[in-house]
Amino acid sequence: MSLADFDRLIDRRGRASVKWDLLGKLFGREDLLALWVADSDFPAPAAVVDALRWRADHPFYGYTFPPDSWYEAIQSWLRRRHGWEVECDWIIFSPGVVPALHLAVQTFTEPGTPVVFQPPVYGPFLQAITAAGRVPSPNPLVVTPTGYRIDFDHLAECLAGARLLLFCSPHNPVGRVWSADELRQLGDLCLRNGVTIVADEIHADLVFPEHRHTPLATLGPELAAATITCMSASKTFGLAGLVNAFLIIPDLGLRKRLLAAQSRVGMKLANLFGLTATEAALYYCGDWVDELRTYLAGNRAFLMEFLRAELPAISCVPPEGTYLAWLDCRNWELSPDELKAFLVDEARLALEDGRNFGPEGAGWQRLNFACPRSLLKQGLERLHAAACKRKLPTK
């Protein structure tokens, strides 16, 4: 018996949804199909909803803290899903991965020093660097016909003058699930240069069957001692509005410094419902995640077949992880502004502009396929119809 109906359409408008209620403000019109921000259009698992109702029925919502059961749920999940034995003391609450990125940059680097990152990458990586007055040191990923790879020679040059690397694994937006060999090579370079790694592994549980996510910190004690792993139930279970994440920091020195930084900025108060939802999701919803991954694999296959048959002018390497497709629209020979206007005004689609991930993303668009398949089909048909009407190349 299925645990979820991922085909079910639920109208999210009118509930202060960033994805759906800010289309007019962010894209200039309301009649768009929202396939942009990394927020799934699947309802949370029933066990999570039940846990939230149970907690809401107790009419006291005062100050709270992560209970032992929250830590135990995280330990159990990482053990079962990733073979990672994590000690309770290694786990630190964070209101989100993005706040953790900002805090890590401020804590482990000095103003004016370089911080390495690998564009095209999730926009808050660069924002965390520049907002803190640090110097962005990009190590651009290399695009190939079969997907992106890391330029390790250039990475070595970047790390030689740095103390911090912001690393995305699995990678958003390009969808790479880095192999253990790639991770070891990257880790060895960081250790050789005394560079601490902040690994954003928020998409760790959204990996397709032919690939396997390897937590960077599991590749030996030296690398574990140099790594801060950022995770959350928010992407997998659709819980971003409950502001709840966790950091895994095996090294006591790094952990103490980050805890002290949290205290300085008042970043220690937890969200009551976020704790409840995360605990329920990680304890009870493993089978639900397996069904989700199967459905997402079907959406990925549908997307790739549609592009192959109807829009081969748009190229896309099938993502190895995440629910995000990185679409190369450069064959249309539209400027980035023209491409964005075409999508909004003619295709009536809200996608994520590739430039939001760095200048390397000009001419690309990120599409979120974590939605009912009928919605994905409607979006792709809108795109095809608009391209035909504009006489853009479709073959």
Protein backbone atom coordinates (compact mmCIF):
# COMPACT_ATOMS: atom_id res chain seq x y z
CA MET A 1 0.00 0.00 0.00
CA SER A 2 1.38 3.39 -1.02
CA LEU A 3 2.16 5.88 1.73
CA ALA A 4 1.52 8.96 -0.42
CA ASP A 5 -0.32 10.18 -3.49
CA PHE A 6 2.34 12.21 -5.25
CA ASP A 7 -0.01 12.83 -8.19
CA ARG A 8 -2.43 14.77 -5.99
CA LEU A 9 -2.80 18.44 -6.94
CA ILE A 10 -3.16 20.83 -3.99
CA ASP A 11 -3.54 24.57 -4.50
CA ARG A 12 -0.94 26.31 -2.34
CA ARG A 13 -1.95 29.86 -3.19
CA GLY A 14 -3.22 32.11 -0.45
CA ARG A 15 -1.12 30.46 2.28
CA ALA A 16 1.88 32.83 2.13
CA SER A 17 3.79 30.44 -0.14
CA VAL A 18 6.99 31.97 -1.50
CA LYS A 19 6.81 29.65 -4.49
CA TRP A 20 3.25 30.53 -5.51
CA ASP A 21 2.16 33.75 -3.77
CA LEU A 22 5.18 35.88 -4.76
CA LEU A 23 5.00 35.26 -8.51
CA GLY A 24 3.60 38.72 -9.20
CA LYS A 25 6.21 40.44 -7.07
CA LEU A 26 9.19 38.41 -8.29
CA PHE A 27 8.26 37.63 -11.91
CA GLY A 28 5.82 40.42 -12.77
CA ARG A 29 2.71 38.33 -13.32
CA GLU A 30 0.51 35.94 -11.37
CA ASP A 31 -0.55 33.48 -14.09
CA LEU A 32 2.69 31.50 -14.12
CA LEU A 33 3.33 27.85 -13.45
CA ALA A 34 5.83 27.81 -10.58
CA LEU A 35 8.70 25.40 -11.23
CA TRP A 36 11.43 27.53 -9.72
CA VAL A 37 12.48 27.63 -6.04
CA ALA A 38 13.63 24.31 -4.49
CA ASP A 39 10.40 23.73 -2.59
CA SER A 40 8.47 20.56 -3.45
CA ASP A 41 4.76 20.51 -4.29
CA PHE A 42 4.17 17.28 -2.40
CA PRO A 43 2.38 17.32 0.97
CA ALA A 44 4.47 16.33 3.98
CA PRO A 45 4.23 12.69 5.10
CA ALA A 46 1.20 11.78 7.21
CA ALA A 47 3.42 10.90 10.18
CA VAL A 48 4.82 14.44 10.18
CA VAL A 49 1.37 16.04 9.93
CA ASP A 50 0.11 13.83 12.76
CA ALA A 51 3.07 14.77 14.96
CA LEU A 52 2.49 18.47 14.36
CA ARG A 53 -1.20 18.13 15.20
CA TRP A 54 -0.33 16.22 18.36
CA ARG A 55 2.06 18.97 19.44
CA ALA A 56 -0.32 21.80 18.49
CA ASP A 57 -3.02 20.25 20.67
CA HIS A 58 -0.90 21.04 23.72
CA PRO A 59 -1.63 24.77 24.06
CA PHE A 60 1.79 25.94 25.22
CA TYR A 61 4.29 27.18 22.69
CA GLY A 62 7.03 28.67 24.83
CA TYR A 63 10.80 28.51 24.65
CA THR A 64 12.06 25.09 23.67
CA PHE A 65 15.25 23.13 23.02
CA PRO A 66 16.22 20.04 20.99
CA PRO A 67 15.25 17.04 23.16
CA ASP A 68 17.28 13.84 23.33
CA SER A 69 14.82 12.21 20.93
CA TRP A 70 15.68 14.81 18.26
CA TYR A 71 19.36 13.89 18.43
CA GLU A 72 18.52 10.19 18.46
CA ALA A 73 16.36 10.56 15.35
CA ILE A 74 19.25 12.21 13.49
CA GLN A 75 21.71 9.54 14.63
CA SER A 76 19.34 6.75 13.61
CA TRP A 77 18.67 8.29 10.19
CA LEU A 78 22.33 8.80 9.36
CA ARG A 79 23.14 5.27 10.49
CA ARG A 80 20.33 3.66 8.50
CA ARG A 81 20.47 5.75 5.35
CA HIS A 82 24.18 6.58 5.07
CA GLY A 83 26.05 4.11 7.26
CA TRP A 84 27.39 7.03 9.29
CA GLU A 85 27.85 6.58 13.04
CA VAL A 86 27.52 10.06 14.53
CA GLU A 87 28.06 10.88 18.19
CA CYS A 88 25.39 12.97 19.89
CA ASP A 89 27.91 15.66 20.87
CA TRP A 90 28.76 16.25 17.20
CA ILE A 91 25.24 17.49 16.40
CA ILE A 92 24.42 21.20 16.63
CA PHE A 93 21.01 22.74 16.00
CA SER A 94 20.80 25.48 13.36
CA PRO A 95 17.75 27.42 12.16
CA GLY A 96 18.78 26.58 8.60
CA VAL A 97 21.65 25.71 6.28
CA VAL A 98 21.89 29.25 4.89
CA PRO A 99 22.38 30.83 8.36
CA ALA A 100 25.02 28.16 8.99
CA LEU A 101 26.88 29.14 5.80
CA HIS A 102 26.92 32.80 6.84
CA LEU A 103 28.02 31.99 10.38
CA ALA A 104 30.78 29.63 9.24
CA VAL A 105 32.25 32.22 6.88
CA GLN A 106 32.25 34.82 9.66
CA THR A 107 33.66 32.40 12.23
CA PHE A 108 36.45 30.65 10.35
CA THR A 109 37.80 33.42 8.12
CA GLU A 110 38.95 37.02 8.52
CA PRO A 111 37.65 40.06 6.58
CA GLY A 112 39.37 40.46 3.23
CA THR A 113 40.44 36.81 2.99
CA PRO A 114 39.42 34.45 0.15
CA VAL A 115 36.71 31.82 0.49
CA VAL A 116 36.54 29.13 -2.19
CA PHE A 117 33.29 27.99 -3.84
CA GLN A 118 32.37 26.16 -7.04
CA PRO A 119 29.94 27.94 -9.38
CA PRO A 120 27.45 27.60 -10.87
CA VAL A 121 26.20 26.99 -7.36
CA TYR A 122 23.37 27.79 -4.94
CA GLY A 123 23.25 31.60 -4.72
CA PRO A 124 23.60 31.95 -0.92
CA PHE A 125 27.16 30.55 -1.14
CA LEU A 126 28.37 33.75 -2.80
CA GLN A 127 26.07 35.90 -0.66
CA ALA A 128 27.54 34.43 2.54
CA ILE A 129 31.03 35.33 1.33
CA THR A 130 30.37 38.88 0.16
CA ALA A 131 28.04 39.81 3.03
CA ALA A 132 30.85 39.05 5.46
CA GLY A 133 33.36 41.18 3.58
CA ARG A 134 35.36 38.18 2.39
CA VAL A 135 36.78 37.74 -1.10
CA PRO A 136 35.02 35.24 -3.41
CA SER A 137 37.49 32.74 -4.86
CA PRO A 138 35.55 30.84 -7.55
CA ASN A 139 36.68 27.43 -8.71
CA PRO A 140 34.21 27.06 -11.61
CA LEU A 141 32.97 23.58 -12.40
CA VAL A 142 33.81 22.40 -15.91
CA VAL A 143 30.84 21.58 -18.12
CA THR A 144 31.18 18.53 -20.38
CA PRO A 145 28.68 16.67 -22.61
CA THR A 146 28.20 14.11 -19.83
CA GLY A 147 27.93 16.52 -16.91
CA TYR A 148 30.06 18.75 -14.75
CA ARG A 149 33.40 17.90 -13.20
CA ILE A 150 35.71 19.60 -10.70
CA ASP A 151 38.80 21.38 -12.05
CA PHE A 152 41.19 19.98 -9.45
CA ASP A 153 44.28 21.76 -10.78
CA HIS A 154 42.57 25.12 -10.44
CA LEU A 155 41.08 24.11 -7.09
CA ALA A 156 44.58 23.47 -5.76
CA GLU A 157 45.57 27.01 -6.77
CA CYS A 158 42.51 28.48 -5.05
CA LEU A 159 43.01 26.51 -1.83
CA ALA A 160 46.66 27.57 -1.53
CA GLY A 161 45.59 31.01 -0.30
CA ALA A 162 42.35 30.13 1.50
CA ARG A 163 41.15 28.74 4.82
CA LEU A 164 37.56 27.80 3.93
CA LEU A 165 35.78 25.93 1.12
CA LEU A 166 31.99 26.02 0.71
CA PHE A 167 31.14 22.70 -0.93
CA CYS A 168 27.77 21.55 -2.33
CA SER A 169 27.14 17.79 -2.28
CA PRO A 170 24.93 16.69 -4.02
CA HIS A 171 25.38 19.76 -6.14
CA ASN A 172 22.69 22.38 -6.66
CA PRO A 173 21.97 23.24 -9.48
CA VAL A 174 23.98 20.86 -11.70
CA GLY A 175 22.75 17.66 -10.02
CA ARG A 176 26.10 15.92 -9.56
CA VAL A 177 26.45 13.27 -6.89
CA TRP A 178 30.19 13.32 -6.31
CA SER A 179 31.93 9.94 -6.32
CA ALA A 180 33.98 8.78 -3.35
CA ASP A 181 37.13 9.20 -5.47
CA GLU A 182 36.26 12.80 -6.31
CA LEU A 183 35.51 13.51 -2.67
CA ARG A 184 38.82 11.99 -1.55
CA GLN A 185 40.74 14.06 -4.07
CA LEU A 186 39.00 17.24 -2.94
CA GLY A 187 39.48 16.32 0.72
CA ASP A 188 43.17 15.59 0.27
CA LEU A 189 43.71 19.01 -1.32
CA CYS A 190 41.91 20.71 1.55
CA LEU A 191 43.89 18.81 4.20
CA ARG A 192 47.16 19.59 2.44
CA ASN A 193 46.35 23.31 2.54
CA GLY A 194 44.80 23.44 6.01
CA VAL A 195 41.37 24.37 4.62
CA THR A 196 38.17 23.74 6.57
CA ILE A 197 35.24 22.46 4.50
CA VAL A 198 31.62 23.47 4.98
CA ALA A 199 29.69 20.74 3.17
CA ASP A 200 26.09 21.57 2.26
CA GLU A 201 24.57 18.08 2.08
CA ILE A 202 20.93 19.13 2.31
CA HIS A 203 20.03 17.02 -0.77
CA ALA A 204 21.78 13.90 0.55
CA ASP A 205 18.59 11.83 0.66
CA LEU A 206 17.45 12.80 -2.84
CA VAL A 207 19.80 10.64 -4.89
CA PHE A 208 18.72 8.41 -7.76
CA PRO A 209 19.17 4.61 -7.58
CA GLU A 210 22.21 4.37 -9.83
CA HIS A 211 24.17 6.72 -7.55
CA ARG A 212 25.08 6.87 -3.88
CA HIS A 213 25.69 9.86 -1.68
CA THR A 214 28.85 9.67 0.41
CA PRO A 215 29.02 12.09 3.36
CA LEU A 216 32.38 13.80 3.00
CA ALA A 217 33.14 13.42 6.71
CA THR A 218 32.96 9.61 6.49
CA LEU A 219 36.15 9.41 4.42
CA GLY A 220 38.58 9.16 7.31
CA PRO A 221 39.19 10.80 10.69
CA GLU A 222 41.43 13.57 9.36
CA LEU A 223 38.81 14.69 6.87
CA ALA A 224 36.04 14.40 9.46
CA ALA A 225 38.02 16.74 11.72
CA ALA A 226 38.17 19.34 8.93
CA THR A 227 34.51 19.15 7.86
CA ILE A 228 31.32 20.86 8.99
CA THR A 229 28.36 19.01 7.45
CA CYS A 230 25.09 20.92 7.02
CA MET A 231 21.87 18.91 6.74
CA SER A 232 18.14 19.37 7.12
CA ALA A 233 14.86 17.53 6.59
CA SER A 234 13.53 20.58 4.74
CA LYS A 235 14.17 19.56 1.11
CA THR A 236 13.39 15.86 1.42
CA PHE A 237 10.15 16.25 3.39
CA GLY A 238 9.01 19.74 2.29
CA LEU A 239 9.57 21.39 5.68
CA ALA A 240 11.47 24.57 4.77
CA GLY A 241 8.95 26.82 6.51
CA LEU A 242 9.68 25.14 9.84
CA VAL A 243 13.26 26.54 9.97
CA ASN A 244 15.09 23.52 11.30
CA ALA A 245 18.51 22.16 10.34
CA PHE A 246 21.44 20.46 11.99
CA LEU A 247 25.21 20.52 11.69
CA ILE A 248 27.55 17.58 12.20
CA ILE A 249 30.93 18.75 13.56
CA PRO A 250 33.17 15.94 14.83
CA ASP A 251 36.07 18.23 15.75
CA LEU A 252 35.72 19.73 19.24
CA GLY A 253 37.67 22.87 18.37
CA LEU A 254 35.52 23.73 15.34
CA ARG A 255 32.39 22.87 17.31
CA LYS A 256 33.28 25.16 20.22
CA ARG A 257 34.03 28.05 17.89
CA LEU A 258 30.73 27.68 16.06
CA LEU A 259 28.74 27.35 19.27
CA ALA A 260 30.38 30.50 20.60
CA ALA A 261 29.52 32.31 17.36
CA GLN A 262 25.89 31.17 17.64
CA SER A 263 25.74 32.63 21.14
CA ARG A 264 27.21 35.95 19.99
CA VAL A 265 24.50 36.44 17.38
CA GLY A 266 21.62 34.94 19.38
CA MET A 267 21.17 31.99 17.02
CA LYS A 268 20.32 29.36 19.62
CA LEU A 269 16.54 29.42 19.98
CA ALA A 270 14.86 26.46 18.31
CA ASN A 271 11.54 26.29 16.48
CA LEU A 272 9.16 24.07 18.44
CA PHE A 273 7.31 22.69 15.41
CA GLY A 274 10.48 22.32 13.38
CA LEU A 275 11.96 20.04 16.01
CA THR A 276 8.77 17.97 16.16
CA ALA A 277 8.53 17.62 12.36
CA THR A 278 12.19 16.73 11.89
CA GLU A 279 12.05 14.07 14.59
CA ALA A 280 8.91 12.47 13.13
CA ALA A 281 10.27 12.57 9.58
CA LEU A 282 13.59 10.93 10.45
CA TYR A 283 12.12 8.33 12.78
CA TYR A 284 9.09 7.21 10.81
CA CYS A 285 9.28 8.24 7.15
CA GLY A 286 12.06 6.21 5.54
CA ASP A 287 9.61 4.19 3.42
CA TRP A 288 7.92 7.42 2.34
CA VAL A 289 11.29 8.73 1.11
CA ASP A 290 11.82 5.55 -0.89
CA GLU A 291 8.47 6.11 -2.62
CA LEU A 292 9.33 9.76 -3.18
CA ARG A 293 12.60 8.86 -4.86
CA THR A 294 10.80 6.39 -7.14
CA TYR A 295 8.29 9.06 -8.14
CA LEU A 296 11.03 11.64 -8.73
CA ALA A 297 12.88 9.12 -10.90
CA GLY A 298 9.70 8.83 -12.97
CA ASN A 299 9.48 12.60 -13.28
CA ARG A 300 13.12 12.77 -14.32
CA ALA A 301 12.52 10.13 -16.99
CA PHE A 302 9.42 11.97 -18.23
CA LEU A 303 11.35 15.25 -18.42
CA MET A 304 14.30 13.75 -20.28
CA GLU A 305 12.06 11.94 -22.78
CA PHE A 306 10.02 15.09 -23.44
CA LEU A 307 13.17 17.11 -24.10
CA ARG A 308 14.55 14.39 -26.37
CA ALA A 309 11.36 14.09 -28.40
CA GLU A 310 10.02 17.64 -28.43
CA LEU A 311 12.77 20.08 -27.40
CA PRO A 312 16.18 18.59 -28.20
CA ALA A 313 17.50 22.13 -28.69
CA ILE A 314 17.48 22.30 -24.89
CA SER A 315 20.16 20.03 -23.49
CA CYS A 316 20.10 18.57 -20.01
CA VAL A 317 22.29 15.92 -18.44
CA PRO A 318 20.02 13.80 -16.22
CA PRO A 319 20.61 14.89 -12.62
CA GLU A 320 22.21 12.24 -10.44
CA GLY A 321 20.61 13.73 -7.34
CA THR A 322 18.28 16.53 -6.18
CA TYR A 323 14.92 17.22 -7.84
CA LEU A 324 16.40 19.99 -9.97
CA ALA A 325 17.09 19.92 -13.71
CA TRP A 326 19.75 22.24 -15.13
CA LEU A 327 18.57 23.24 -18.61
CA ASP A 328 21.03 24.53 -21.21
CA CYS A 329 19.02 26.92 -23.39
CA ARG A 330 21.97 28.54 -25.16
CA ASN A 331 21.06 27.00 -28.53
CA TRP A 332 18.15 29.44 -28.67
CA GLU A 333 20.67 32.29 -28.94
CA LEU A 334 18.63 34.55 -26.69
CA SER A 335 20.32 36.92 -24.29
CA PRO A 336 19.75 36.02 -20.63
CA ASP A 337 17.25 38.85 -20.32
CA GLU A 338 15.46 37.77 -23.50
CA LEU A 339 15.34 34.17 -22.26
CA LYS A 340 13.82 35.20 -18.94
CA ALA A 341 11.23 37.42 -20.64
CA PHE A 342 10.32 34.64 -23.09
CA LEU A 343 9.75 32.14 -20.29
CA VAL A 344 7.63 34.53 -18.24
CA ASP A 345 5.63 36.38 -20.89
CA GLU A 346 5.28 33.73 -23.61
CA ALA A 347 5.67 30.33 -21.93
CA ARG A 348 4.14 31.63 -18.67
CA LEU A 349 6.66 29.68 -16.63
CA ALA A 350 8.54 30.65 -13.50
CA LEU A 351 11.93 28.92 -13.63
CA GLU A 352 15.10 29.86 -11.76
CA ASP A 353 17.35 32.10 -13.85
CA GLY A 354 20.76 30.48 -14.27
CA ARG A 355 22.48 33.76 -13.47
CA ASN A 356 21.29 33.38 -9.89
CA PHE A 357 23.98 30.69 -9.58
CA GLY A 358 26.77 32.85 -10.95
CA PRO A 359 27.77 34.27 -14.34
CA GLU A 360 28.53 30.70 -15.45
CA GLY A 361 24.76 30.12 -15.47
CA ALA A 362 23.97 32.69 -18.17
CA GLY A 363 21.76 30.98 -20.78
CA TRP A 364 20.72 28.22 -18.38
CA GLN A 365 17.55 27.73 -16.34
CA ARG A 366 16.88 25.52 -13.32
CA LEU A 367 13.62 23.59 -13.31
CA ASN A 368 12.17 22.01 -10.16
CA PHE A 369 10.44 18.71 -11.01
CA ALA A 370 9.32 17.88 -7.45
CA CYS A 371 5.66 18.23 -8.35
CA PRO A 372 2.76 16.09 -9.58
CA ARG A 373 3.60 14.74 -13.04
CA SER A 374 0.57 16.43 -14.55
CA LEU A 375 2.01 19.79 -13.45
CA LEU A 376 5.40 18.98 -14.96
CA LYS A 377 3.71 17.89 -18.19
CA GLN A 378 1.73 21.12 -18.33
CA GLY A 379 4.88 23.18 -17.84
CA LEU A 380 6.82 21.37 -20.55
CA GLU A 381 3.91 21.66 -22.97
CA ARG A 382 3.73 25.40 -22.31
CA LEU A 383 7.45 25.65 -23.05
CA HIS A 384 7.13 23.67 -26.29
CA ALA A 385 4.11 25.62 -27.50
CA ALA A 386 5.77 28.98 -26.80
CA ALA A 387 8.97 27.89 -28.57
CA CYS A 388 7.00 26.81 -31.64
CA LYS A 389 5.02 30.06 -31.70
CA ARG A 390 8.23 32.12 -31.43
CA LYS A 391 9.83 29.83 -34.06
CA LEU A 392 12.71 29.00 -31.76
CA PRO A 393 14.56 25.82 -32.74
CA THR A 394 12.92 22.79 -31.16
CA LYS A 395 14.84 20.09 -33.02
